[in-house]
Amino acid sequence: MHDRASAPIRQPTATRNELVMIIETMRRHHKWSASHGAHRRE
């Protein structure tokens, strides 16, 4: 038996890497929580 990741190989609905980087930068710069960032994005 071998350990395997439980995540699927492809995740078509995953957030794009560019968007993840933008969100992480905004959170670091503004010290926002996840809920504030989600509200700001809308």
N, C-alpha and C. Protein backbone atom coordinates (compact mmCIF):
# COMPACT_ATOMS: atom_id res chain seq x y z
N MET A 1 0.84 -1.19 0.00
CA MET A 1 0.00 0.00 0.00
C MET A 1 0.88 1.25 0.00
N HIS A 2 0.42 2.23 -0.74
CA HIS A 2 1.13 3.51 -0.80
C HIS A 2 0.17 4.62 -0.41
N ASP A 3 0.70 5.61 0.28
CA ASP A 3 -0.11 6.78 0.61
C ASP A 3 -0.31 7.60 -0.65
N ARG A 4 -1.52 8.08 -0.83
CA ARG A 4 -1.83 8.92 -1.98
C ARG A 4 -2.60 10.14 -1.49
N ALA A 5 -2.45 11.24 -2.22
CA ALA A 5 -3.22 12.44 -1.91
C ALA A 5 -4.69 12.16 -2.21
N SER A 6 -5.57 12.70 -1.40
CA SER A 6 -6.99 12.49 -1.63
C SER A 6 -7.58 13.51 -2.59
N ALA A 7 -6.83 14.56 -2.91
CA ALA A 7 -7.31 15.58 -3.84
C ALA A 7 -7.31 15.03 -5.26
N PRO A 8 -8.30 15.42 -6.06
CA PRO A 8 -8.31 14.96 -7.45
C PRO A 8 -7.13 15.55 -8.23
N ILE A 9 -6.76 14.87 -9.31
CA ILE A 9 -5.64 15.35 -10.13
C ILE A 9 -5.97 16.69 -10.76
N ARG A 10 -7.19 16.82 -11.29
CA ARG A 10 -7.62 18.08 -11.90
C ARG A 10 -8.71 18.70 -11.05
N GLN A 11 -8.69 20.01 -10.95
CA GLN A 11 -9.73 20.74 -10.22
C GLN A 11 -10.19 21.89 -11.11
N PRO A 12 -11.13 21.63 -12.03
CA PRO A 12 -11.53 22.65 -13.00
C PRO A 12 -12.17 23.89 -12.38
N THR A 13 -12.70 23.78 -11.17
CA THR A 13 -13.33 24.95 -10.54
C THR A 13 -12.41 25.65 -9.55
N ALA A 14 -11.15 25.24 -9.49
CA ALA A 14 -10.21 25.86 -8.56
C ALA A 14 -9.95 27.32 -8.94
N THR A 15 -9.65 28.13 -7.96
CA THR A 15 -9.34 29.54 -8.19
C THR A 15 -8.03 29.66 -8.95
N ARG A 16 -8.01 30.55 -9.95
CA ARG A 16 -6.80 30.74 -10.75
C ARG A 16 -5.66 31.25 -9.87
N ASN A 17 -4.44 30.81 -10.17
CA ASN A 17 -3.26 31.19 -9.39
C ASN A 17 -3.07 32.70 -9.35
N GLU A 18 -3.35 33.39 -10.46
CA GLU A 18 -3.17 34.85 -10.49
C GLU A 18 -4.09 35.51 -9.47
N LEU A 19 -5.33 35.03 -9.38
CA LEU A 19 -6.28 35.60 -8.44
C LEU A 19 -5.88 35.30 -7.00
N VAL A 20 -5.38 34.11 -6.75
CA VAL A 20 -4.91 33.74 -5.41
C VAL A 20 -3.78 34.68 -4.99
N MET A 21 -2.85 34.95 -5.90
CA MET A 21 -1.72 35.83 -5.58
C MET A 21 -2.20 37.25 -5.27
N ILE A 22 -3.18 37.75 -6.02
CA ILE A 22 -3.73 39.09 -5.78
C ILE A 22 -4.38 39.14 -4.40
N ILE A 23 -5.18 38.14 -4.09
CA ILE A 23 -5.86 38.10 -2.79
C ILE A 23 -4.86 38.04 -1.65
N GLU A 24 -3.84 37.19 -1.79
CA GLU A 24 -2.82 37.08 -0.73
C GLU A 24 -2.09 38.41 -0.54
N THR A 25 -1.77 39.08 -1.62
CA THR A 25 -1.09 40.38 -1.54
C THR A 25 -1.97 41.40 -0.84
N MET A 26 -3.25 41.45 -1.21
CA MET A 26 -4.18 42.40 -0.57
C MET A 26 -4.29 42.12 0.92
N ARG A 27 -4.39 40.84 1.29
CA ARG A 27 -4.54 40.50 2.71
C ARG A 27 -3.30 40.87 3.50
N ARG A 28 -2.11 40.67 2.90
CA ARG A 28 -0.88 41.04 3.61
C ARG A 28 -0.75 42.55 3.75
N HIS A 29 -1.09 43.26 2.70
CA HIS A 29 -0.93 44.72 2.69
C HIS A 29 -1.94 45.40 3.60
N HIS A 30 -3.18 44.93 3.58
CA HIS A 30 -4.26 45.59 4.33
C HIS A 30 -4.61 44.88 5.63
N LYS A 31 -3.99 43.72 5.89
CA LYS A 31 -4.27 42.94 7.11
C LYS A 31 -5.76 42.59 7.21
N TRP A 32 -6.35 42.25 6.08
CA TRP A 32 -7.76 41.89 6.05
C TRP A 32 -7.96 40.44 6.42
N SER A 33 -9.11 40.17 7.01
CA SER A 33 -9.51 38.79 7.24
C SER A 33 -10.11 38.24 5.95
N ALA A 34 -10.34 36.96 5.89
CA ALA A 34 -10.92 36.34 4.70
C ALA A 34 -12.32 36.88 4.43
N SER A 35 -13.12 37.08 5.48
CA SER A 35 -14.48 37.57 5.28
C SER A 35 -14.49 39.00 4.75
N HIS A 36 -13.57 39.83 5.20
CA HIS A 36 -13.50 41.21 4.71
C HIS A 36 -13.07 41.20 3.24
N GLY A 37 -12.13 40.37 2.89
CA GLY A 37 -11.68 40.29 1.51
C GLY A 37 -12.78 39.82 0.58
N ALA A 38 -13.59 38.87 1.02
CA ALA A 38 -14.71 38.38 0.21
C ALA A 38 -15.73 39.49 0.02
N HIS A 39 -16.01 40.26 1.06
CA HIS A 39 -16.96 41.36 0.97
C HIS A 39 -16.43 42.44 0.03
N ARG A 40 -15.15 42.72 0.11
CA ARG A 40 -14.53 43.76 -0.72
C ARG A 40 -14.56 43.38 -2.19
N ARG A 41 -14.42 42.09 -2.49
CA ARG A 41 -14.37 41.61 -3.87
C ARG A 41 -15.71 41.78 -4.57
N GLU A 42 -16.81 41.72 -3.85
CA GLU A 42 -18.15 41.77 -4.47
C GLU A 42 -18.55 43.15 -4.88
